[in-house]
Amino acid sequence: MVLQRIYNYKWLLIALVILTGNLIVYQLSFIDTLPIEQINGMVLGSLIDCAIIAPALLLLQKGKWSIKNFIAFVAMGIIFARLVIPTAFIEPFRYIMWSAIAVEVALIILELTILFIFIKYLPSIIRAVKLEREQLIFAFPRIVAEKVKDNLLIKILCSEILVFYYAFCSWKKKKPSGFTLYKNTMYIAFLIMIFHAALFEAVAFHWFFHDRVPFLAWGHTILSIYGLLFLLADFRALALNPVQIEDGKLYISNGLMKRAKINLTNIVQLHAAVQDENIFHFKVLGNIDEQPAFVIETKELQIIHGIGGFEKKAKYIGIYADDPSILRMEIESAMK
């Protein structure tokens, strides 16, 4: 399972290795002693790594090629290179830096225009969500997509709004009825362990790098704080969105990490087990079961929504639940 996940994210991991290598090399003390020709060659190599190779790998991972995405990734790669390469070394390539910044500014202006449209419709979106019977984690992204242009920025924004809502505004909400997915697992224990480890690691990393690479130290600290908020929000989303069957649809989510709304008419059969490597496992952190309680087979590929607006399609969906036999009976009964 672990090897399979590593393989699924191989392009992302390779890109991270390349970017990390470029970050580390400029922290080495002997760099200043190199001839200017070697330094220029090293900087040029870093620009190629950050502006061409890493963006191409990230787009391979994403699986969606477009000129807009490639230009945006290239510009971000060049800006990343500007942050990690010392100013004295980057001076001969300053025109490349400014061109990347100009492209990034143009893209930001375009995305801000979309963002303003979203803000304009936000009051009506909130009113519509309040009238919905559907769970918030499903209703909010759907209504936003109906009222605003379906755009990656909007999808990411929806995910971030849900993170902050569940982290700060959901504590007075009562847990609805449904089938839970985490109570008979080690989810809570894993969550506490990761929370403590992330907190200690953030403090240690910041202390170690705050004098050496300040922007890296503060960037890591901000990401660590966000990560802790995300863990908290994920727990609340998982508790407040149990598996439900309503209006001919099966609603299932693993907190903020993944969710699916499956039409019962799209379900072919429920299997006790399926020998297929492409099963999508709806499995929470801390669930040590090696096989799902049962597997849903769909007629058409089912869309699985992930964090940040990313989507995946699957024909076989592995279900893990606290009361799997009762849940299976309910689904089979609703299908009749």
C-alpha atoms as a PDB file:
ATOM      1  CA  MET A   1       0.000   0.000   0.000  1.00  0.00           C
ATOM      2  CA  VAL A   2       2.779   2.440   0.935  1.00  0.00           C
ATOM      3  CA  LEU A   3       4.770   1.592  -2.200  1.00  0.00           C
ATOM      4  CA  GLN A   4       1.639   2.062  -4.292  1.00  0.00           C
ATOM      5  CA  ARG A   5       1.086   5.544  -2.840  1.00  0.00           C
ATOM      6  CA  ILE A   6       4.729   6.457  -3.422  1.00  0.00           C
ATOM      7  CA  TYR A   7       4.372   5.318  -7.042  1.00  0.00           C
ATOM      8  CA  ASN A   8       1.165   7.348  -7.442  1.00  0.00           C
ATOM      9  CA  TYR A   9       2.997  10.514  -6.349  1.00  0.00           C
ATOM     10  CA  LYS A  10       6.339   9.748  -8.012  1.00  0.00           C
ATOM     11  CA  TRP A  11       6.421  12.906 -10.159  1.00  0.00           C
ATOM     12  CA  LEU A  12       5.668  15.132  -7.180  1.00  0.00           C
ATOM     13  CA  LEU A  13       8.381  13.453  -5.099  1.00  0.00           C
ATOM     14  CA  ILE A  14      10.967  13.829  -7.889  1.00  0.00           C
ATOM     15  CA  ALA A  15      10.075  17.532  -8.242  1.00  0.00           C
ATOM     16  CA  LEU A  16      10.463  18.031  -4.481  1.00  0.00           C
ATOM     17  CA  VAL A  17      13.859  16.307  -4.539  1.00  0.00           C
ATOM     18  CA  ILE A  18      15.036  18.611  -7.358  1.00  0.00           C
ATOM     19  CA  LEU A  19      13.790  21.777  -5.637  1.00  0.00           C
ATOM     20  CA  THR A  20      15.206  20.712  -2.266  1.00  0.00           C
ATOM     21  CA  GLY A  21      18.580  19.971  -3.849  1.00  0.00           C
ATOM     22  CA  ASN A  22      18.695  23.454  -5.354  1.00  0.00           C
ATOM     23  CA  LEU A  23      17.748  24.939  -2.005  1.00  0.00           C
ATOM     24  CA  ILE A  24      20.503  23.097  -0.123  1.00  0.00           C
ATOM     25  CA  VAL A  25      23.362  23.621  -2.591  1.00  0.00           C
ATOM     26  CA  TYR A  26      23.367  27.421  -2.159  1.00  0.00           C
ATOM     27  CA  GLN A  27      23.719  27.040   1.612  1.00  0.00           C
ATOM     28  CA  LEU A  28      27.112  25.322   1.222  1.00  0.00           C
ATOM     29  CA  SER A  29      30.048  27.481   2.304  1.00  0.00           C
ATOM     30  CA  PHE A  30      32.411  26.636  -0.603  1.00  0.00           C
ATOM     31  CA  ILE A  31      30.082  28.143  -3.242  1.00  0.00           C
ATOM     32  CA  ASP A  32      31.605  31.609  -2.768  1.00  0.00           C
ATOM     33  CA  THR A  33      35.066  30.305  -3.713  1.00  0.00           C
ATOM     34  CA  LEU A  34      34.034  29.012  -7.139  1.00  0.00           C
ATOM     35  CA  PRO A  35      34.997  30.871 -10.365  1.00  0.00           C
ATOM     36  CA  ILE A  36      32.295  33.133 -11.772  1.00  0.00           C
ATOM     37  CA  GLU A  37      31.897  30.903 -14.851  1.00  0.00           C
ATOM     38  CA  GLN A  38      31.062  27.888 -12.686  1.00  0.00           C
ATOM     39  CA  ILE A  39      28.664  29.936 -10.571  1.00  0.00           C
ATOM     40  CA  ASN A  40      26.850  31.202 -13.683  1.00  0.00           C
ATOM     41  CA  GLY A  41      26.592  27.637 -14.971  1.00  0.00           C
ATOM     42  CA  MET A  42      25.206  26.498 -11.627  1.00  0.00           C
ATOM     43  CA  VAL A  43      22.631  29.323 -11.590  1.00  0.00           C
ATOM     44  CA  LEU A  44      21.595  28.517 -15.170  1.00  0.00           C
ATOM     45  CA  GLY A  45      21.169  24.859 -14.191  1.00  0.00           C
ATOM     46  CA  SER A  46      19.032  25.873 -11.206  1.00  0.00           C
ATOM     47  CA  LEU A  47      16.842  28.047 -13.423  1.00  0.00           C
ATOM     48  CA  ILE A  48      16.314  25.114 -15.798  1.00  0.00           C
ATOM     49  CA  ASP A  49      15.494  22.835 -12.854  1.00  0.00           C
ATOM     50  CA  CYS A  50      13.072  25.294 -11.245  1.00  0.00           C
ATOM     51  CA  ALA A  51      11.496  26.804 -14.361  1.00  0.00           C
ATOM     52  CA  ILE A  52      11.253  23.818 -16.732  1.00  0.00           C
ATOM     53  CA  ILE A  53      11.923  20.424 -15.175  1.00  0.00           C
ATOM     54  CA  ALA A  54      10.069  20.866 -11.857  1.00  0.00           C
ATOM     55  CA  PRO A  55       6.973  22.499 -13.481  1.00  0.00           C
ATOM     56  CA  ALA A  56       6.829  19.714 -16.088  1.00  0.00           C
ATOM     57  CA  LEU A  57       6.963  17.074 -13.339  1.00  0.00           C
ATOM     58  CA  LEU A  58       4.252  18.854 -11.344  1.00  0.00           C
ATOM     59  CA  LEU A  59       2.010  18.998 -14.404  1.00  0.00           C
ATOM     60  CA  LEU A  60       2.644  15.288 -14.997  1.00  0.00           C
ATOM     61  CA  GLN A  61       1.515  14.650 -11.434  1.00  0.00           C
ATOM     62  CA  LYS A  62      -1.525  16.831 -11.866  1.00  0.00           C
ATOM     63  CA  GLY A  63      -2.392  15.156 -15.151  1.00  0.00           C
ATOM     64  CA  LYS A  64      -3.832  18.320 -16.679  1.00  0.00           C
ATOM     65  CA  TRP A  65      -1.662  20.070 -19.268  1.00  0.00           C
ATOM     66  CA  SER A  66      -2.507  23.588 -20.370  1.00  0.00           C
ATOM     67  CA  ILE A  67      -0.533  26.611 -21.513  1.00  0.00           C
ATOM     68  CA  LYS A  68      -1.905  28.688 -18.639  1.00  0.00           C
ATOM     69  CA  ASN A  69      -0.874  26.135 -16.010  1.00  0.00           C
ATOM     70  CA  PHE A  70       2.579  25.695 -17.527  1.00  0.00           C
ATOM     71  CA  ILE A  71       3.227  29.461 -17.687  1.00  0.00           C
ATOM     72  CA  ALA A  72       2.068  29.848 -14.073  1.00  0.00           C
ATOM     73  CA  PHE A  73       4.290  26.992 -12.874  1.00  0.00           C
ATOM     74  CA  VAL A  74       7.277  28.326 -14.828  1.00  0.00           C
ATOM     75  CA  ALA A  75       6.850  31.804 -13.310  1.00  0.00           C
ATOM     76  CA  MET A  76       6.537  30.359  -9.797  1.00  0.00           C
ATOM     77  CA  GLY A  77       9.619  28.216 -10.414  1.00  0.00           C
ATOM     78  CA  ILE A  78      11.684  31.243 -11.409  1.00  0.00           C
ATOM     79  CA  ILE A  79      10.475  33.175  -8.361  1.00  0.00           C
ATOM     80  CA  PHE A  80      11.418  30.194  -6.170  1.00  0.00           C
ATOM     81  CA  ALA A  81      14.878  30.235  -7.745  1.00  0.00           C
ATOM     82  CA  ARG A  82      15.149  33.942  -6.975  1.00  0.00           C
ATOM     83  CA  LEU A  83      14.423  33.235  -3.304  1.00  0.00           C
ATOM     84  CA  VAL A  84      17.014  30.474  -2.900  1.00  0.00           C
ATOM     85  CA  ILE A  85      19.833  31.842  -5.081  1.00  0.00           C
ATOM     86  CA  PRO A  86      21.925  34.641  -3.483  1.00  0.00           C
ATOM     87  CA  THR A  87      21.373  38.084  -5.002  1.00  0.00           C
ATOM     88  CA  ALA A  88      24.995  38.398  -6.177  1.00  0.00           C
ATOM     89  CA  PHE A  89      24.732  35.164  -8.169  1.00  0.00           C
ATOM     90  CA  ILE A  90      21.395  35.966  -9.783  1.00  0.00           C
ATOM     91  CA  GLU A  91      22.393  39.459 -11.012  1.00  0.00           C
ATOM     92  CA  PRO A  92      23.415  38.359 -14.583  1.00  0.00           C
ATOM     93  CA  PHE A  93      19.962  36.773 -14.998  1.00  0.00           C
ATOM     94  CA  ARG A  94      17.897  39.655 -13.545  1.00  0.00           C
ATOM     95  CA  TYR A  95      15.894  40.140 -16.768  1.00  0.00           C
ATOM     96  CA  ILE A  96      14.597  36.586 -16.505  1.00  0.00           C
ATOM     97  CA  MET A  97      13.537  37.337 -12.933  1.00  0.00           C
ATOM     98  CA  TRP A  98      11.623  40.465 -13.899  1.00  0.00           C
ATOM     99  CA  SER A  99       9.887  38.734 -16.805  1.00  0.00           C
ATOM    100  CA  ALA A 100       8.740  35.938 -14.487  1.00  0.00           C
ATOM    101  CA  ILE A 101       7.431  38.456 -11.974  1.00  0.00           C
ATOM    102  CA  ALA A 102       5.553  40.311 -14.742  1.00  0.00           C
ATOM    103  CA  VAL A 103       3.895  37.090 -15.931  1.00  0.00           C
ATOM    104  CA  GLU A 104       2.992  36.139 -12.373  1.00  0.00           C
ATOM    105  CA  VAL A 105       1.485  39.584 -11.728  1.00  0.00           C
ATOM    106  CA  ALA A 106      -0.639  39.291 -14.884  1.00  0.00           C
ATOM    107  CA  LEU A 107      -1.915  35.877 -13.788  1.00  0.00           C
ATOM    108  CA  ILE A 108      -2.604  37.173 -10.279  1.00  0.00           C
ATOM    109  CA  ILE A 109      -4.657  40.050 -11.715  1.00  0.00           C
ATOM    110  CA  LEU A 110      -6.674  37.536 -13.747  1.00  0.00           C
ATOM    111  CA  GLU A 111      -7.262  35.320 -10.724  1.00  0.00           C
ATOM    112  CA  LEU A 112      -8.145  38.336  -8.554  1.00  0.00           C
ATOM    113  CA  THR A 113     -10.841  39.236 -11.071  1.00  0.00           C
ATOM    114  CA  ILE A 114     -12.326  35.777 -10.604  1.00  0.00           C
ATOM    115  CA  LEU A 115     -11.944  36.173  -6.845  1.00  0.00           C
ATOM    116  CA  PHE A 116     -13.889  39.448  -6.854  1.00  0.00           C
ATOM    117  CA  ILE A 117     -16.678  37.718  -8.774  1.00  0.00           C
ATOM    118  CA  PHE A 118     -16.705  35.031  -6.060  1.00  0.00           C
ATOM    119  CA  ILE A 119     -16.914  37.678  -3.309  1.00  0.00           C
ATOM    120  CA  LYS A 120     -19.773  39.363  -5.144  1.00  0.00           C
ATOM    121  CA  TYR A 121     -21.795  36.145  -5.135  1.00  0.00           C
ATOM    122  CA  LEU A 122     -20.745  35.046  -1.631  1.00  0.00           C
ATOM    123  CA  PRO A 123     -23.853  36.377   0.209  1.00  0.00           C
ATOM    124  CA  SER A 124     -26.200  34.567  -2.177  1.00  0.00           C
ATOM    125  CA  ILE A 125     -24.042  31.429  -1.909  1.00  0.00           C
ATOM    126  CA  ILE A 126     -24.326  31.477   1.895  1.00  0.00           C
ATOM    127  CA  ARG A 127     -28.119  31.942   1.702  1.00  0.00           C
ATOM    128  CA  ALA A 128     -28.406  29.043  -0.737  1.00  0.00           C
ATOM    129  CA  VAL A 129     -26.252  26.776   1.443  1.00  0.00           C
ATOM    130  CA  LYS A 130     -28.438  27.482   4.497  1.00  0.00           C
ATOM    131  CA  LEU A 131     -31.510  26.310   2.562  1.00  0.00           C
ATOM    132  CA  GLU A 132     -29.864  23.050   1.488  1.00  0.00           C
ATOM    133  CA  ARG A 133     -30.579  19.724   3.160  1.00  0.00           C
ATOM    134  CA  GLU A 134     -27.371  18.333   1.753  1.00  0.00           C
ATOM    135  CA  GLN A 135     -24.315  18.168   4.012  1.00  0.00           C
ATOM    136  CA  LEU A 136     -22.268  21.369   3.937  1.00  0.00           C
ATOM    137  CA  ILE A 137     -19.118  19.640   2.714  1.00  0.00           C
ATOM    138  CA  PHE A 138     -21.057  18.597  -0.425  1.00  0.00           C
ATOM    139  CA  ALA A 139     -23.455  21.540  -0.816  1.00  0.00           C
ATOM    140  CA  PHE A 140     -20.972  24.414  -0.575  1.00  0.00           C
ATOM    141  CA  PRO A 141     -18.625  23.432  -3.468  1.00  0.00           C
ATOM    142  CA  ARG A 142     -21.603  22.496  -5.660  1.00  0.00           C
ATOM    143  CA  ILE A 143     -23.419  25.811  -5.146  1.00  0.00           C
ATOM    144  CA  VAL A 144     -20.222  27.800  -5.699  1.00  0.00           C
ATOM    145  CA  ALA A 145     -19.649  25.927  -8.988  1.00  0.00           C
ATOM    146  CA  GLU A 146     -23.219  26.766 -10.046  1.00  0.00           C
ATOM    147  CA  LYS A 147     -22.898  30.487  -9.350  1.00  0.00           C
ATOM    148  CA  VAL A 148     -19.247  31.189 -10.199  1.00  0.00           C
ATOM    149  CA  LYS A 149     -17.012  30.058 -13.055  1.00  0.00           C
ATOM    150  CA  ASP A 150     -15.661  26.552 -12.410  1.00  0.00           C
ATOM    151  CA  ASN A 151     -12.010  27.391 -11.891  1.00  0.00           C
ATOM    152  CA  LEU A 152      -9.109  25.766 -10.031  1.00  0.00           C
ATOM    153  CA  LEU A 153      -8.635  28.905  -7.906  1.00  0.00           C
ATOM    154  CA  ILE A 154     -12.298  28.799  -6.883  1.00  0.00           C
ATOM    155  CA  LYS A 155     -12.035  25.104  -6.004  1.00  0.00           C
ATOM    156  CA  ILE A 156      -8.973  25.755  -3.858  1.00  0.00           C
ATOM    157  CA  LEU A 157     -10.716  28.725  -2.243  1.00  0.00           C
ATOM    158  CA  CYS A 158     -13.738  26.554  -1.424  1.00  0.00           C
ATOM    159  CA  SER A 159     -11.462  24.010   0.227  1.00  0.00           C
ATOM    160  CA  GLU A 160      -9.755  26.715   2.298  1.00  0.00           C
ATOM    161  CA  ILE A 161     -13.077  28.203   3.408  1.00  0.00           C
ATOM    162  CA  LEU A 162     -14.204  24.751   4.547  1.00  0.00           C
ATOM    163  CA  VAL A 163     -10.919  24.291   6.454  1.00  0.00           C
ATOM    164  CA  PHE A 164     -11.392  27.521   8.411  1.00  0.00           C
ATOM    165  CA  TYR A 165     -15.118  26.924   8.892  1.00  0.00           C
ATOM    166  CA  TYR A 166     -14.632  23.473  10.418  1.00  0.00           C
ATOM    167  CA  ALA A 167     -11.599  24.625  12.457  1.00  0.00           C
ATOM    168  CA  PHE A 168     -13.274  27.678  14.028  1.00  0.00           C
ATOM    169  CA  CYS A 169     -17.031  27.792  13.404  1.00  0.00           C
ATOM    170  CA  SER A 170     -18.324  24.223  13.719  1.00  0.00           C
ATOM    171  CA  TRP A 171     -17.954  23.518  17.427  1.00  0.00           C
ATOM    172  CA  LYS A 172     -21.583  24.279  18.324  1.00  0.00           C
ATOM    173  CA  LYS A 173     -22.935  22.071  15.553  1.00  0.00           C
ATOM    174  CA  LYS A 174     -24.595  18.845  16.660  1.00  0.00           C
ATOM    175  CA  LYS A 175     -23.428  15.601  15.128  1.00  0.00           C
ATOM    176  CA  PRO A 176     -26.091  14.353  12.659  1.00  0.00           C
ATOM    177  CA  SER A 177     -27.238  10.771  12.398  1.00  0.00           C
ATOM    178  CA  GLY A 178     -25.436   8.464  10.019  1.00  0.00           C
ATOM    179  CA  PHE A 179     -22.729   5.850   9.791  1.00  0.00           C
ATOM    180  CA  THR A 180     -19.389   6.847  11.297  1.00  0.00           C
ATOM    181  CA  LEU A 181     -16.038   5.804   9.848  1.00  0.00           C
ATOM    182  CA  TYR A 182     -13.497   6.508  12.568  1.00  0.00           C
ATOM    183  CA  LYS A 183     -14.718   5.488  16.047  1.00  0.00           C
ATOM    184  CA  ASN A 184     -13.457   1.886  15.834  1.00  0.00           C
ATOM    185  CA  THR A 185     -10.072   2.920  14.435  1.00  0.00           C
ATOM    186  CA  MET A 186      -6.891   4.532  15.776  1.00  0.00           C
ATOM    187  CA  TYR A 187      -7.847   7.827  14.111  1.00  0.00           C
ATOM    188  CA  ILE A 188      -7.964   9.922  17.306  1.00  0.00           C
ATOM    189  CA  ALA A 189      -4.701   8.428  18.622  1.00  0.00           C
ATOM    190  CA  PHE A 190      -2.955   9.034  15.278  1.00  0.00           C
ATOM    191  CA  LEU A 191      -4.326  12.573  15.159  1.00  0.00           C
ATOM    192  CA  ILE A 192      -2.963  13.397  18.623  1.00  0.00           C
ATOM    193  CA  MET A 193       0.403  11.825  17.787  1.00  0.00           C
ATOM    194  CA  ILE A 194       0.750  13.735  14.495  1.00  0.00           C
ATOM    195  CA  PHE A 195      -0.423  16.953  16.144  1.00  0.00           C
ATOM    196  CA  HIS A 196       2.285  16.754  18.829  1.00  0.00           C
ATOM    197  CA  ALA A 197       4.992  15.674  16.369  1.00  0.00           C
ATOM    198  CA  ALA A 198       4.133  18.499  13.951  1.00  0.00           C
ATOM    199  CA  LEU A 199       4.172  21.054  16.767  1.00  0.00           C
ATOM    200  CA  PHE A 200       7.594  20.000  18.095  1.00  0.00           C
ATOM    201  CA  GLU A 201       9.020  19.703  14.573  1.00  0.00           C
ATOM    202  CA  ALA A 202       7.805  23.214  13.674  1.00  0.00           C
ATOM    203  CA  VAL A 203       9.476  24.737  16.744  1.00  0.00           C
ATOM    204  CA  ALA A 204      12.752  22.850  16.167  1.00  0.00           C
ATOM    205  CA  PHE A 205      12.872  23.664  12.438  1.00  0.00           C
ATOM    206  CA  HIS A 206      12.205  27.359  13.033  1.00  0.00           C
ATOM    207  CA  TRP A 207      14.857  27.577  15.762  1.00  0.00           C
ATOM    208  CA  PHE A 208      17.456  25.855  13.568  1.00  0.00           C
ATOM    209  CA  PHE A 209      16.864  27.866  10.373  1.00  0.00           C
ATOM    210  CA  HIS A 210      15.744  31.307  11.590  1.00  0.00           C
ATOM    211  CA  ASP A 211      19.301  32.709  11.345  1.00  0.00           C
ATOM    212  CA  ARG A 212      20.469  30.660   8.337  1.00  0.00           C
ATOM    213  CA  VAL A 213      17.474  30.867   5.957  1.00  0.00           C
ATOM    214  CA  PRO A 214      14.848  33.193   7.519  1.00  0.00           C
ATOM    215  CA  PHE A 215      12.296  32.971   4.702  1.00  0.00           C
ATOM    216  CA  LEU A 216      12.421  29.172   4.873  1.00  0.00           C
ATOM    217  CA  ALA A 217      12.026  29.186   8.658  1.00  0.00           C
ATOM    218  CA  TRP A 218       9.003  31.496   8.605  1.00  0.00           C
ATOM    219  CA  GLY A 219       7.490  29.786   5.576  1.00  0.00           C
ATOM    220  CA  HIS A 220       7.757  26.423   7.306  1.00  0.00           C
ATOM    221  CA  THR A 221       6.264  27.866  10.492  1.00  0.00           C
ATOM    222  CA  ILE A 222       3.255  29.278   8.640  1.00  0.00           C
ATOM    223  CA  LEU A 223       2.719  25.976   6.814  1.00  0.00           C
ATOM    224  CA  SER A 224       3.018  24.091  10.120  1.00  0.00           C
ATOM    225  CA  ILE A 225       0.359  26.281  11.758  1.00  0.00           C
ATOM    226  CA  TYR A 226      -1.894  25.772   8.758  1.00  0.00           C
ATOM    227  CA  GLY A 227      -1.245  22.010   8.925  1.00  0.00           C
ATOM    228  CA  LEU A 228      -2.343  21.914  12.568  1.00  0.00           C
ATOM    229  CA  LEU A 229      -5.500  23.856  11.705  1.00  0.00           C
ATOM    230  CA  PHE A 230      -6.158  21.450   8.856  1.00  0.00           C
ATOM    231  CA  LEU A 231      -5.882  18.421  11.160  1.00  0.00           C
ATOM    232  CA  LEU A 232      -8.370  20.013  13.538  1.00  0.00           C
ATOM    233  CA  ALA A 233     -10.749  20.922  10.701  1.00  0.00           C
ATOM    234  CA  ASP A 234     -10.453  17.446   9.197  1.00  0.00           C
ATOM    235  CA  PHE A 235     -11.512  15.867  12.492  1.00  0.00           C
ATOM    236  CA  ARG A 236     -14.550  18.141  12.774  1.00  0.00           C
ATOM    237  CA  ALA A 237     -15.521  17.525   9.140  1.00  0.00           C
ATOM    238  CA  LEU A 238     -15.240  13.778   9.684  1.00  0.00           C
ATOM    239  CA  ALA A 239     -17.392  13.909  12.843  1.00  0.00           C
ATOM    240  CA  LEU A 240     -20.057  16.187  11.325  1.00  0.00           C
ATOM    241  CA  ASN A 241     -20.380  14.382   7.990  1.00  0.00           C
ATOM    242  CA  PRO A 242     -21.145  10.703   8.586  1.00  0.00           C
ATOM    243  CA  VAL A 243     -22.161   8.414   5.736  1.00  0.00           C
ATOM    244  CA  GLN A 244     -25.766   9.107   4.774  1.00  0.00           C
ATOM    245  CA  ILE A 245     -28.254   7.842   2.190  1.00  0.00           C
ATOM    246  CA  GLU A 246     -30.687  10.528   1.059  1.00  0.00           C
ATOM    247  CA  ASP A 247     -32.690  11.294  -2.078  1.00  0.00           C
ATOM    248  CA  GLY A 248     -31.292   8.311  -3.951  1.00  0.00           C
ATOM    249  CA  LYS A 249     -27.663   9.220  -3.242  1.00  0.00           C
ATOM    250  CA  LEU A 250     -24.935   7.833  -1.001  1.00  0.00           C
ATOM    251  CA  TYR A 251     -22.902  10.553   0.690  1.00  0.00           C
ATOM    252  CA  ILE A 252     -19.517   9.436   1.985  1.00  0.00           C
ATOM    253  CA  SER A 253     -16.534  11.493   3.097  1.00  0.00           C
ATOM    254  CA  ASN A 254     -13.240  11.055   4.899  1.00  0.00           C
ATOM    255  CA  GLY A 255     -13.325  14.502   6.457  1.00  0.00           C
ATOM    256  CA  LEU A 256     -11.801  17.118   4.173  1.00  0.00           C
ATOM    257  CA  MET A 257      -9.464  14.668   2.463  1.00  0.00           C
ATOM    258  CA  LYS A 258     -11.927  13.028   0.078  1.00  0.00           C
ATOM    259  CA  ARG A 259     -15.630  12.816  -0.559  1.00  0.00           C
ATOM    260  CA  ALA A 260     -18.018  11.272  -3.064  1.00  0.00           C
ATOM    261  CA  LYS A 261     -21.720  11.605  -3.830  1.00  0.00           C
ATOM    262  CA  ILE A 262     -22.748   8.348  -5.467  1.00  0.00           C
ATOM    263  CA  ASN A 263     -26.082   7.963  -7.233  1.00  0.00           C
ATOM    264  CA  LEU A 264     -27.610   4.656  -6.163  1.00  0.00           C
ATOM    265  CA  THR A 265     -28.594   4.084  -9.799  1.00  0.00           C
ATOM    266  CA  ASN A 266     -24.875   4.141 -10.649  1.00  0.00           C
ATOM    267  CA  ILE A 267     -24.132   1.233  -8.295  1.00  0.00           C
ATOM    268  CA  VAL A 268     -23.930  -2.137 -10.028  1.00  0.00           C
ATOM    269  CA  GLN A 269     -23.249  -4.330  -7.036  1.00  0.00           C
ATOM    270  CA  LEU A 270     -21.733  -4.504  -3.569  1.00  0.00           C
ATOM    271  CA  HIS A 271     -18.915  -7.032  -3.342  1.00  0.00           C
ATOM    272  CA  ALA A 272     -17.487  -8.675  -0.249  1.00  0.00           C
ATOM    273  CA  ALA A 273     -14.060  -8.432  -1.909  1.00  0.00           C
ATOM    274  CA  VAL A 274     -12.607  -7.506  -5.289  1.00  0.00           C
ATOM    275  CA  GLN A 275      -9.205  -8.480  -6.652  1.00  0.00           C
ATOM    276  CA  ASP A 276      -8.403  -5.183  -8.315  1.00  0.00           C
ATOM    277  CA  GLU A 277      -5.413  -2.926  -7.718  1.00  0.00           C
ATOM    278  CA  ASN A 278      -7.428   0.134  -8.743  1.00  0.00           C
ATOM    279  CA  ILE A 279      -9.814   0.086  -5.779  1.00  0.00           C
ATOM    280  CA  PHE A 280     -10.209   3.546  -4.283  1.00  0.00           C
ATOM    281  CA  HIS A 281     -10.096   3.115  -0.509  1.00  0.00           C
ATOM    282  CA  PHE A 282     -12.331   5.379   1.594  1.00  0.00           C
ATOM    283  CA  LYS A 283     -10.155   4.792   4.620  1.00  0.00           C
ATOM    284  CA  VAL A 284      -9.437   7.206   7.459  1.00  0.00           C
ATOM    285  CA  LEU A 285      -6.032   7.770   9.012  1.00  0.00           C
ATOM    286  CA  GLY A 286      -5.398   5.168  11.713  1.00  0.00           C
ATOM    287  CA  ASN A 287      -7.550   2.439  10.168  1.00  0.00           C
ATOM    288  CA  ILE A 288      -5.288  -0.614  10.138  1.00  0.00           C
ATOM    289  CA  ASP A 289      -7.692  -2.911   8.244  1.00  0.00           C
ATOM    290  CA  GLU A 290      -5.921  -4.282   5.186  1.00  0.00           C
ATOM    291  CA  GLN A 291      -9.103  -4.901   3.187  1.00  0.00           C
ATOM    292  CA  PRO A 292     -12.347  -2.903   2.968  1.00  0.00           C
ATOM    293  CA  ALA A 293     -15.491  -4.244   4.609  1.00  0.00           C
ATOM    294  CA  PHE A 294     -17.128  -4.259   1.165  1.00  0.00           C
ATOM    295  CA  VAL A 295     -16.541  -2.777  -2.273  1.00  0.00           C
ATOM    296  CA  ILE A 296     -18.949  -0.691  -4.343  1.00  0.00           C
ATOM    297  CA  GLU A 297     -18.835  -1.326  -8.083  1.00  0.00           C
ATOM    298  CA  THR A 298     -20.215   1.480 -10.234  1.00  0.00           C
ATOM    299  CA  LYS A 299     -21.539   1.443 -13.800  1.00  0.00           C
ATOM    300  CA  GLU A 300     -19.754   4.660 -14.765  1.00  0.00           C
ATOM    301  CA  LEU A 301     -16.533   5.933 -13.250  1.00  0.00           C
ATOM    302  CA  GLN A 302     -17.318   7.731 -10.014  1.00  0.00           C
ATOM    303  CA  ILE A 303     -15.743  11.130  -9.338  1.00  0.00           C
ATOM    304  CA  ILE A 304     -13.922  11.359  -6.003  1.00  0.00           C
ATOM    305  CA  HIS A 305     -13.312  14.926  -4.832  1.00  0.00           C
ATOM    306  CA  GLY A 306     -10.099  15.588  -2.913  1.00  0.00           C
ATOM    307  CA  ILE A 307      -8.629  18.509  -1.001  1.00  0.00           C
ATOM    308  CA  GLY A 308      -7.790  21.575  -3.074  1.00  0.00           C
ATOM    309  CA  GLY A 309     -10.349  20.762  -5.782  1.00  0.00           C
ATOM    310  CA  PHE A 310      -8.430  17.783  -7.152  1.00  0.00           C
ATOM    311  CA  GLU A 311     -10.503  14.935  -8.535  1.00  0.00           C
ATOM    312  CA  LYS A 312     -10.029  11.261  -9.244  1.00  0.00           C
ATOM    313  CA  LYS A 313     -12.262   8.690 -10.921  1.00  0.00           C
ATOM    314  CA  ALA A 314     -12.777   5.117  -9.771  1.00  0.00           C
ATOM    315  CA  LYS A 315     -14.928   2.127 -10.693  1.00  0.00           C
ATOM    316  CA  TYR A 316     -14.379   0.216  -7.446  1.00  0.00           C
ATOM    317  CA  ILE A 317     -14.703   2.015  -4.104  1.00  0.00           C
ATOM    318  CA  GLY A 318     -13.617   0.284  -0.911  1.00  0.00           C
ATOM    319  CA  ILE A 319     -15.778   1.115   2.112  1.00  0.00           C
ATOM    320  CA  TYR A 320     -14.553   1.047   5.719  1.00  0.00           C
ATOM    321  CA  ALA A 321     -17.091   1.794   8.457  1.00  0.00           C
ATOM    322  CA  ASP A 322     -17.734   1.284  12.152  1.00  0.00           C
ATOM    323  CA  ASP A 323     -20.873  -0.755  11.377  1.00  0.00           C
ATOM    324  CA  PRO A 324     -20.185  -2.080   7.865  1.00  0.00           C
ATOM    325  CA  SER A 325     -22.800  -4.851   7.851  1.00  0.00           C
ATOM    326  CA  ILE A 326     -25.634  -2.456   8.754  1.00  0.00           C
ATOM    327  CA  LEU A 327     -24.391   0.134   6.259  1.00  0.00           C
ATOM    328  CA  ARG A 328     -24.293  -2.488   3.518  1.00  0.00           C
ATOM    329  CA  MET A 329     -27.844  -3.581   4.318  1.00  0.00           C
ATOM    330  CA  GLU A 330     -29.021   0.046   4.171  1.00  0.00           C
ATOM    331  CA  ILE A 331     -27.401   0.612   0.791  1.00  0.00           C
ATOM    332  CA  GLU A 332     -28.831  -2.612  -0.665  1.00  0.00           C
ATOM    333  CA  SER A 333     -32.252  -1.750   0.720  1.00  0.00           C
ATOM    334  CA  ALA A 334     -32.123   1.759  -0.790  1.00  0.00           C
ATOM    335  CA  MET A 335     -31.099   0.320  -4.177  1.00  0.00           C
ATOM    336  CA  LYS A 336     -34.285  -1.777  -4.456  1.00  0.00           C
END
